[in-house]
Amino acid sequence: MTFDAKAFIAEQVEGIRKSVAGKAIIACSGGVDSTTAAVLASHALGDRLLAVYVDTGLMRKDETEDVARTLKELKVNHRILRTADEFFAALRGVSDPEKKRTIIGNKFIELFEREAKTFDADSLVQGTIAPDWIESGGQLRDRIKTHHNVAGLPANMKLKLVEPLQDLYKDEVRTVARTLGVRVAERQPFPGPGLAVRIVGEVTPEKTVLVREASAIVEHEIEVAAKDKRVPLPWQYFAV
């Protein structure tokens, strides 16, 4: 059965309108999943949605400026939070990748609950897709890895969770994104916890700068080689 993106969009926009009586916020990293979810929610709620981009200090090169430009182009109500110091402090002394993911997830929720209170929101929209909750495991599933937007949610979270993409796989999300006119539709995946899980050992500002610059070089060289048809463009590529 062929996936009908237009029908999916209409269904989700209506579903979000029914689910959210007041205001909502969404964590928007600028990736295809969160941006697509933000646009869907924006179509449903207008300015009753606030897309919050958190500059954790752990994102790709020029990420903040690019995300701000994208959300403005898509006419999504948004706010940029610059919180690198908070995240580096929370991650100090932590080397285990699973602990990093959990700490970052909890810090995100803490920030969003704070923003939700300011915005008077009662709902949190997330760009969770099917592989996220499948990989995070559950009662009947073996755990592969924990996604900060699934297992990182605290039990006492006060926001109602809305996940319009939760049953879609990445290729379907990209189809929805293209239909909505989202220019990041072809962007390669990037982990929710950012560069923290690509850094071996403790996360420090110095290590983060090195990994960010190295990743930018790797991405540029591979994209140039693919454009020149010297190599096929990989599904994902980065430096560690």
C-alpha atoms as a PDB file:
ATOM      1  CA  MET A   1       0.000   0.000   0.000  1.00  0.00           C
ATOM      2  CA  THR A   2       1.455   3.369  -1.044  1.00  0.00           C
ATOM      3  CA  PHE A   3       1.978   5.905   1.729  1.00  0.00           C
ATOM      4  CA  ASP A   4      -0.274   8.941   1.190  1.00  0.00           C
ATOM      5  CA  ALA A   5       1.591  11.936   2.640  1.00  0.00           C
ATOM      6  CA  LYS A   6      -1.204  14.440   1.960  1.00  0.00           C
ATOM      7  CA  ALA A   7      -3.779  12.285   3.733  1.00  0.00           C
ATOM      8  CA  PHE A   8      -1.368  11.747   6.628  1.00  0.00           C
ATOM      9  CA  ILE A   9      -0.782  15.509   6.962  1.00  0.00           C
ATOM     10  CA  ALA A  10      -4.510  16.279   6.987  1.00  0.00           C
ATOM     11  CA  GLU A  11      -5.154  13.553   9.569  1.00  0.00           C
ATOM     12  CA  GLN A  12      -2.339  14.670  11.884  1.00  0.00           C
ATOM     13  CA  VAL A  13      -3.176  18.380  11.681  1.00  0.00           C
ATOM     14  CA  GLU A  14      -6.752  17.586  12.694  1.00  0.00           C
ATOM     15  CA  GLY A  15      -5.521  15.182  15.388  1.00  0.00           C
ATOM     16  CA  ILE A  16      -3.214  17.789  16.908  1.00  0.00           C
ATOM     17  CA  ARG A  17      -6.034  20.349  16.965  1.00  0.00           C
ATOM     18  CA  LYS A  18      -8.198  17.905  18.896  1.00  0.00           C
ATOM     19  CA  SER A  19      -5.387  16.844  21.256  1.00  0.00           C
ATOM     20  CA  VAL A  20      -4.141  20.298  22.219  1.00  0.00           C
ATOM     21  CA  ALA A  21      -6.770  22.502  23.828  1.00  0.00           C
ATOM     22  CA  GLY A  22      -4.352  25.206  24.927  1.00  0.00           C
ATOM     23  CA  LYS A  23      -0.766  25.891  23.920  1.00  0.00           C
ATOM     24  CA  ALA A  24       2.102  23.538  23.070  1.00  0.00           C
ATOM     25  CA  ILE A  25       5.872  23.607  22.771  1.00  0.00           C
ATOM     26  CA  ILE A  26       8.144  21.418  20.672  1.00  0.00           C
ATOM     27  CA  ALA A  27      11.848  20.704  20.853  1.00  0.00           C
ATOM     28  CA  CYS A  28      13.139  21.572  17.407  1.00  0.00           C
ATOM     29  CA  SER A  29      16.734  20.560  16.665  1.00  0.00           C
ATOM     30  CA  GLY A  30      16.495  21.496  12.994  1.00  0.00           C
ATOM     31  CA  GLY A  31      16.624  17.864  11.881  1.00  0.00           C
ATOM     32  CA  VAL A  32      14.021  16.358   9.586  1.00  0.00           C
ATOM     33  CA  ASP A  33      11.960  14.668  12.338  1.00  0.00           C
ATOM     34  CA  SER A  34      11.567  17.585  14.734  1.00  0.00           C
ATOM     35  CA  THR A  35      11.200  20.164  11.957  1.00  0.00           C
ATOM     36  CA  THR A  36       8.483  18.132  10.241  1.00  0.00           C
ATOM     37  CA  ALA A  37       6.643  17.679  13.542  1.00  0.00           C
ATOM     38  CA  ALA A  38       6.975  21.418  14.218  1.00  0.00           C
ATOM     39  CA  VAL A  39       5.483  22.346  10.837  1.00  0.00           C
ATOM     40  CA  LEU A  40       2.584  19.910  11.309  1.00  0.00           C
ATOM     41  CA  ALA A  41       1.882  21.346  14.757  1.00  0.00           C
ATOM     42  CA  SER A  42       2.239  24.900  13.454  1.00  0.00           C
ATOM     43  CA  HIS A  43      -0.356  24.196  10.743  1.00  0.00           C
ATOM     44  CA  ALA A  44      -2.688  22.927  13.465  1.00  0.00           C
ATOM     45  CA  LEU A  45      -2.057  25.491  16.193  1.00  0.00           C
ATOM     46  CA  GLY A  46      -0.516  28.593  14.640  1.00  0.00           C
ATOM     47  CA  ASP A  47       0.973  30.830  17.330  1.00  0.00           C
ATOM     48  CA  ARG A  48      -0.375  28.506  20.034  1.00  0.00           C
ATOM     49  CA  LEU A  49       2.744  26.461  19.231  1.00  0.00           C
ATOM     50  CA  LEU A  50       6.207  27.531  20.349  1.00  0.00           C
ATOM     51  CA  ALA A  51       9.136  25.704  18.731  1.00  0.00           C
ATOM     52  CA  VAL A  52      12.065  25.830  21.127  1.00  0.00           C
ATOM     53  CA  TYR A  53      15.563  25.314  19.782  1.00  0.00           C
ATOM     54  CA  VAL A  54      18.109  24.615  22.493  1.00  0.00           C
ATOM     55  CA  ASP A  55      21.686  25.590  21.713  1.00  0.00           C
ATOM     56  CA  THR A  56      23.261  22.945  23.955  1.00  0.00           C
ATOM     57  CA  GLY A  57      26.776  23.600  22.718  1.00  0.00           C
ATOM     58  CA  LEU A  58      26.658  20.040  21.336  1.00  0.00           C
ATOM     59  CA  MET A  59      25.244  20.683  17.879  1.00  0.00           C
ATOM     60  CA  ARG A  60      26.780  20.707  14.397  1.00  0.00           C
ATOM     61  CA  LYS A  61      28.696  23.644  12.987  1.00  0.00           C
ATOM     62  CA  ASP A  62      26.482  26.688  12.268  1.00  0.00           C
ATOM     63  CA  GLU A  63      23.442  24.730  13.499  1.00  0.00           C
ATOM     64  CA  THR A  64      21.847  27.536  15.500  1.00  0.00           C
ATOM     65  CA  GLU A  65      21.886  30.064  12.679  1.00  0.00           C
ATOM     66  CA  ASP A  66      20.595  27.501  10.182  1.00  0.00           C
ATOM     67  CA  VAL A  67      17.713  26.395  12.414  1.00  0.00           C
ATOM     68  CA  ALA A  68      16.666  29.978  13.148  1.00  0.00           C
ATOM     69  CA  ARG A  69      16.615  30.733   9.420  1.00  0.00           C
ATOM     70  CA  THR A  70      14.643  27.569   8.596  1.00  0.00           C
ATOM     71  CA  LEU A  71      11.948  28.162  11.224  1.00  0.00           C
ATOM     72  CA  LYS A  72      11.581  31.765  10.125  1.00  0.00           C
ATOM     73  CA  GLU A  73      11.154  30.661   6.485  1.00  0.00           C
ATOM     74  CA  LEU A  74       8.513  28.123   7.542  1.00  0.00           C
ATOM     75  CA  LYS A  75       6.730  30.790   9.636  1.00  0.00           C
ATOM     76  CA  VAL A  76       6.914  28.675  12.775  1.00  0.00           C
ATOM     77  CA  ASN A  77       6.692  30.616  16.040  1.00  0.00           C
ATOM     78  CA  HIS A  78      10.023  29.900  17.752  1.00  0.00           C
ATOM     79  CA  ARG A  79      12.512  30.794  20.465  1.00  0.00           C
ATOM     80  CA  ILE A  80      16.278  30.132  20.662  1.00  0.00           C
ATOM     81  CA  LEU A  81      17.696  29.131  24.065  1.00  0.00           C
ATOM     82  CA  ARG A  82      21.461  29.376  24.586  1.00  0.00           C
ATOM     83  CA  THR A  83      22.178  26.905  27.387  1.00  0.00           C
ATOM     84  CA  ALA A  84      25.591  25.379  26.620  1.00  0.00           C
ATOM     85  CA  ASP A  85      26.921  26.100  30.122  1.00  0.00           C
ATOM     86  CA  GLU A  86      24.016  24.215  31.731  1.00  0.00           C
ATOM     87  CA  PHE A  87      24.560  21.101  29.604  1.00  0.00           C
ATOM     88  CA  PHE A  88      28.341  20.991  30.046  1.00  0.00           C
ATOM     89  CA  ALA A  89      27.873  21.347  33.815  1.00  0.00           C
ATOM     90  CA  ALA A  90      25.320  18.505  33.886  1.00  0.00           C
ATOM     91  CA  LEU A  91      27.638  16.230  31.860  1.00  0.00           C
ATOM     92  CA  ARG A  92      30.795  16.955  33.870  1.00  0.00           C
ATOM     93  CA  GLY A  93      32.540  13.724  34.871  1.00  0.00           C
ATOM     94  CA  VAL A  94      30.134  11.478  32.901  1.00  0.00           C
ATOM     95  CA  SER A  95      31.657   9.005  30.410  1.00  0.00           C
ATOM     96  CA  ASP A  96      28.971   6.346  29.935  1.00  0.00           C
ATOM     97  CA  PRO A  97      26.933   6.958  26.730  1.00  0.00           C
ATOM     98  CA  GLU A  98      23.663   5.760  28.290  1.00  0.00           C
ATOM     99  CA  LYS A  99      24.107   8.100  31.260  1.00  0.00           C
ATOM    100  CA  LYS A 100      24.847  10.963  28.858  1.00  0.00           C
ATOM    101  CA  ARG A 101      21.604  10.263  26.989  1.00  0.00           C
ATOM    102  CA  THR A 102      19.559  10.141  30.198  1.00  0.00           C
ATOM    103  CA  ILE A 103      21.116  13.310  31.640  1.00  0.00           C
ATOM    104  CA  ILE A 104      20.527  15.203  28.394  1.00  0.00           C
ATOM    105  CA  GLY A 105      16.937  13.950  28.173  1.00  0.00           C
ATOM    106  CA  ASN A 106      16.210  15.057  31.736  1.00  0.00           C
ATOM    107  CA  LYS A 107      17.849  18.442  31.160  1.00  0.00           C
ATOM    108  CA  PHE A 108      15.745  18.938  28.019  1.00  0.00           C
ATOM    109  CA  ILE A 109      12.544  18.216  29.930  1.00  0.00           C
ATOM    110  CA  GLU A 110      13.607  20.548  32.745  1.00  0.00           C
ATOM    111  CA  LEU A 111      14.168  23.338  30.198  1.00  0.00           C
ATOM    112  CA  PHE A 112      10.932  22.680  28.335  1.00  0.00           C
ATOM    113  CA  GLU A 113       8.848  22.574  31.496  1.00  0.00           C
ATOM    114  CA  ARG A 114      10.392  25.932  32.370  1.00  0.00           C
ATOM    115  CA  GLU A 115       9.588  27.316  28.912  1.00  0.00           C
ATOM    116  CA  ALA A 116       6.133  25.741  28.998  1.00  0.00           C
ATOM    117  CA  LYS A 117       5.361  27.570  32.232  1.00  0.00           C
ATOM    118  CA  THR A 118       6.483  30.868  30.703  1.00  0.00           C
ATOM    119  CA  PHE A 119       4.487  30.213  27.514  1.00  0.00           C
ATOM    120  CA  ASP A 120       1.546  28.779  29.514  1.00  0.00           C
ATOM    121  CA  ALA A 121       1.697  25.541  27.502  1.00  0.00           C
ATOM    122  CA  ASP A 122       0.201  22.262  28.632  1.00  0.00           C
ATOM    123  CA  SER A 123       1.456  19.992  25.830  1.00  0.00           C
ATOM    124  CA  LEU A 124       4.835  18.874  24.493  1.00  0.00           C
ATOM    125  CA  VAL A 125       5.049  17.898  20.810  1.00  0.00           C
ATOM    126  CA  GLN A 126       7.913  15.567  19.865  1.00  0.00           C
ATOM    127  CA  GLY A 127       9.320  14.312  16.577  1.00  0.00           C
ATOM    128  CA  THR A 128       9.561  10.725  17.819  1.00  0.00           C
ATOM    129  CA  ILE A 129       9.457   8.223  14.935  1.00  0.00           C
ATOM    130  CA  ALA A 130       8.942   4.453  14.938  1.00  0.00           C
ATOM    131  CA  PRO A 131      12.639   3.424  15.136  1.00  0.00           C
ATOM    132  CA  ASP A 132      13.074   5.606  18.247  1.00  0.00           C
ATOM    133  CA  TRP A 133      10.691   3.665  20.454  1.00  0.00           C
ATOM    134  CA  ILE A 134      11.559   0.315  18.815  1.00  0.00           C
ATOM    135  CA  GLU A 135      15.288   0.814  19.497  1.00  0.00           C
ATOM    136  CA  SER A 136      14.659   2.095  23.016  1.00  0.00           C
ATOM    137  CA  GLY A 137      13.037  -1.209  23.909  1.00  0.00           C
ATOM    138  CA  GLY A 138      10.053  -2.033  26.028  1.00  0.00           C
ATOM    139  CA  GLN A 139       8.379  -4.897  27.789  1.00  0.00           C
ATOM    140  CA  LEU A 140       8.433  -7.117  24.708  1.00  0.00           C
ATOM    141  CA  ARG A 141      11.473  -5.687  22.932  1.00  0.00           C
ATOM    142  CA  ASP A 142      15.212  -6.044  23.483  1.00  0.00           C
ATOM    143  CA  ARG A 143      16.942  -2.710  24.055  1.00  0.00           C
ATOM    144  CA  ILE A 144      19.318  -1.496  21.341  1.00  0.00           C
ATOM    145  CA  LYS A 145      19.897   2.062  22.575  1.00  0.00           C
ATOM    146  CA  THR A 146      18.012   4.693  24.529  1.00  0.00           C
ATOM    147  CA  HIS A 147      16.666   7.739  22.708  1.00  0.00           C
ATOM    148  CA  HIS A 148      16.575  10.905  24.818  1.00  0.00           C
ATOM    149  CA  ASN A 149      13.077  11.696  23.542  1.00  0.00           C
ATOM    150  CA  VAL A 150      11.704   8.303  24.661  1.00  0.00           C
ATOM    151  CA  ALA A 151      13.313   6.781  27.749  1.00  0.00           C
ATOM    152  CA  GLY A 152      14.622  10.109  29.050  1.00  0.00           C
ATOM    153  CA  LEU A 153      11.123  11.358  29.895  1.00  0.00           C
ATOM    154  CA  PRO A 154      10.636  11.511  33.684  1.00  0.00           C
ATOM    155  CA  ALA A 155       7.563   9.848  35.182  1.00  0.00           C
ATOM    156  CA  ASN A 156       6.456  13.116  36.799  1.00  0.00           C
ATOM    157  CA  MET A 157       6.502  15.149  33.582  1.00  0.00           C
ATOM    158  CA  LYS A 158       3.651  17.655  33.724  1.00  0.00           C
ATOM    159  CA  LEU A 159       3.198  18.129  29.969  1.00  0.00           C
ATOM    160  CA  LYS A 160       0.839  16.123  27.772  1.00  0.00           C
ATOM    161  CA  LEU A 161       2.896  14.302  25.124  1.00  0.00           C
ATOM    162  CA  VAL A 162       1.894  14.611  21.448  1.00  0.00           C
ATOM    163  CA  GLU A 163       3.843  12.547  18.867  1.00  0.00           C
ATOM    164  CA  PRO A 164       2.403  12.952  15.345  1.00  0.00           C
ATOM    165  CA  LEU A 165       5.206  10.973  13.638  1.00  0.00           C
ATOM    166  CA  GLN A 166       5.451   8.042  16.050  1.00  0.00           C
ATOM    167  CA  ASP A 167       4.253   5.417  13.548  1.00  0.00           C
ATOM    168  CA  LEU A 168       6.410   6.570  10.617  1.00  0.00           C
ATOM    169  CA  TYR A 169       9.808   5.396   9.414  1.00  0.00           C
ATOM    170  CA  LYS A 170      12.475   7.779   8.157  1.00  0.00           C
ATOM    171  CA  ASP A 171      11.632   7.465   4.450  1.00  0.00           C
ATOM    172  CA  GLU A 172       7.974   8.265   5.205  1.00  0.00           C
ATOM    173  CA  VAL A 173       8.975  11.263   7.338  1.00  0.00           C
ATOM    174  CA  ARG A 174      11.079  12.568   4.445  1.00  0.00           C
ATOM    175  CA  THR A 175       8.088  12.194   2.121  1.00  0.00           C
ATOM    176  CA  VAL A 176       5.925  14.197   4.533  1.00  0.00           C
ATOM    177  CA  ALA A 177       8.674  16.819   4.849  1.00  0.00           C
ATOM    178  CA  ARG A 178       8.938  17.236   1.064  1.00  0.00           C
ATOM    179  CA  THR A 179       5.159  17.566   0.807  1.00  0.00           C
ATOM    180  CA  LEU A 180       5.231  20.295   3.471  1.00  0.00           C
ATOM    181  CA  GLY A 181       8.089  22.102   1.713  1.00  0.00           C
ATOM    182  CA  VAL A 182      10.613  21.485   4.476  1.00  0.00           C
ATOM    183  CA  ARG A 183      14.074  22.036   2.965  1.00  0.00           C
ATOM    184  CA  VAL A 184      15.823  19.795   5.503  1.00  0.00           C
ATOM    185  CA  ALA A 185      14.019  16.745   4.081  1.00  0.00           C
ATOM    186  CA  GLU A 186      17.269  15.197   2.814  1.00  0.00           C
ATOM    187  CA  ARG A 187      19.377  16.081   5.830  1.00  0.00           C
ATOM    188  CA  GLN A 188      21.272  13.175   7.334  1.00  0.00           C
ATOM    189  CA  PRO A 189      20.239  11.922  10.788  1.00  0.00           C
ATOM    190  CA  PHE A 190      21.798  13.508  13.878  1.00  0.00           C
ATOM    191  CA  PRO A 191      21.388  12.087  17.398  1.00  0.00           C
ATOM    192  CA  GLY A 192      19.144  13.969  19.811  1.00  0.00           C
ATOM    193  CA  PRO A 193      21.914  14.218  22.439  1.00  0.00           C
ATOM    194  CA  GLY A 194      24.113  15.773  19.761  1.00  0.00           C
ATOM    195  CA  LEU A 195      27.883  15.475  19.761  1.00  0.00           C
ATOM    196  CA  ALA A 196      27.844  14.177  23.361  1.00  0.00           C
ATOM    197  CA  VAL A 197      27.413  10.603  22.115  1.00  0.00           C
ATOM    198  CA  ARG A 198      30.128  11.010  19.473  1.00  0.00           C
ATOM    199  CA  ILE A 199      32.689  12.020  22.077  1.00  0.00           C
ATOM    200  CA  VAL A 200      34.507   9.170  23.806  1.00  0.00           C
ATOM    201  CA  GLY A 201      34.666   9.697  27.555  1.00  0.00           C
ATOM    202  CA  GLU A 202      33.781  12.903  29.380  1.00  0.00           C
ATOM    203  CA  VAL A 203      32.213  15.700  27.346  1.00  0.00           C
ATOM    204  CA  THR A 204      34.183  18.950  27.526  1.00  0.00           C
ATOM    205  CA  PRO A 205      33.962  22.187  25.509  1.00  0.00           C
ATOM    206  CA  GLU A 206      37.419  21.500  24.074  1.00  0.00           C
ATOM    207  CA  LYS A 207      36.535  17.985  22.867  1.00  0.00           C
ATOM    208  CA  THR A 208      33.270  19.277  21.450  1.00  0.00           C
ATOM    209  CA  VAL A 209      35.020  21.920  19.339  1.00  0.00           C
ATOM    210  CA  LEU A 210      37.383  19.277  17.910  1.00  0.00           C
ATOM    211  CA  VAL A 211      34.588  16.820  17.062  1.00  0.00           C
ATOM    212  CA  ARG A 212      32.423  19.584  15.579  1.00  0.00           C
ATOM    213  CA  GLU A 213      35.205  20.830  13.294  1.00  0.00           C
ATOM    214  CA  ALA A 214      36.258  17.291  12.349  1.00  0.00           C
ATOM    215  CA  SER A 215      32.666  16.374  11.486  1.00  0.00           C
ATOM    216  CA  ALA A 216      32.289  19.502   9.344  1.00  0.00           C
ATOM    217  CA  ILE A 217      35.435  18.569   7.397  1.00  0.00           C
ATOM    218  CA  VAL A 218      34.326  14.942   6.923  1.00  0.00           C
ATOM    219  CA  GLU A 219      30.850  15.995   5.789  1.00  0.00           C
ATOM    220  CA  HIS A 220      32.218  18.566   3.342  1.00  0.00           C
ATOM    221  CA  GLU A 221      34.761  16.203   1.770  1.00  0.00           C
ATOM    222  CA  ILE A 222      32.257  13.362   1.359  1.00  0.00           C
ATOM    223  CA  GLU A 223      29.618  15.673  -0.118  1.00  0.00           C
ATOM    224  CA  VAL A 224      32.150  17.089  -2.617  1.00  0.00           C
ATOM    225  CA  ALA A 225      33.256  13.567  -3.583  1.00  0.00           C
ATOM    226  CA  ALA A 226      29.632  12.478  -4.026  1.00  0.00           C
ATOM    227  CA  LYS A 227      28.845  15.552  -6.125  1.00  0.00           C
ATOM    228  CA  ASP A 228      31.832  14.730  -8.359  1.00  0.00           C
ATOM    229  CA  LYS A 229      30.517  11.145  -8.585  1.00  0.00           C
ATOM    230  CA  ARG A 230      33.707   9.719  -7.080  1.00  0.00           C
ATOM    231  CA  VAL A 231      31.703   7.940  -4.354  1.00  0.00           C
ATOM    232  CA  PRO A 232      28.003   7.326  -3.705  1.00  0.00           C
ATOM    233  CA  LEU A 233      26.601   9.572  -0.965  1.00  0.00           C
ATOM    234  CA  PRO A 234      26.376   7.481   2.240  1.00  0.00           C
ATOM    235  CA  TRP A 235      23.210   7.400   4.327  1.00  0.00           C
ATOM    236  CA  GLN A 236      25.165   8.821   7.280  1.00  0.00           C
ATOM    237  CA  TYR A 237      28.711  10.095   7.782  1.00  0.00           C
ATOM    238  CA  PHE A 238      30.493  11.893  10.612  1.00  0.00           C
ATOM    239  CA  ALA A 239      33.668  12.056  12.689  1.00  0.00           C
ATOM    240  CA  VAL A 240      34.111  10.638  16.200  1.00  0.00           C
END
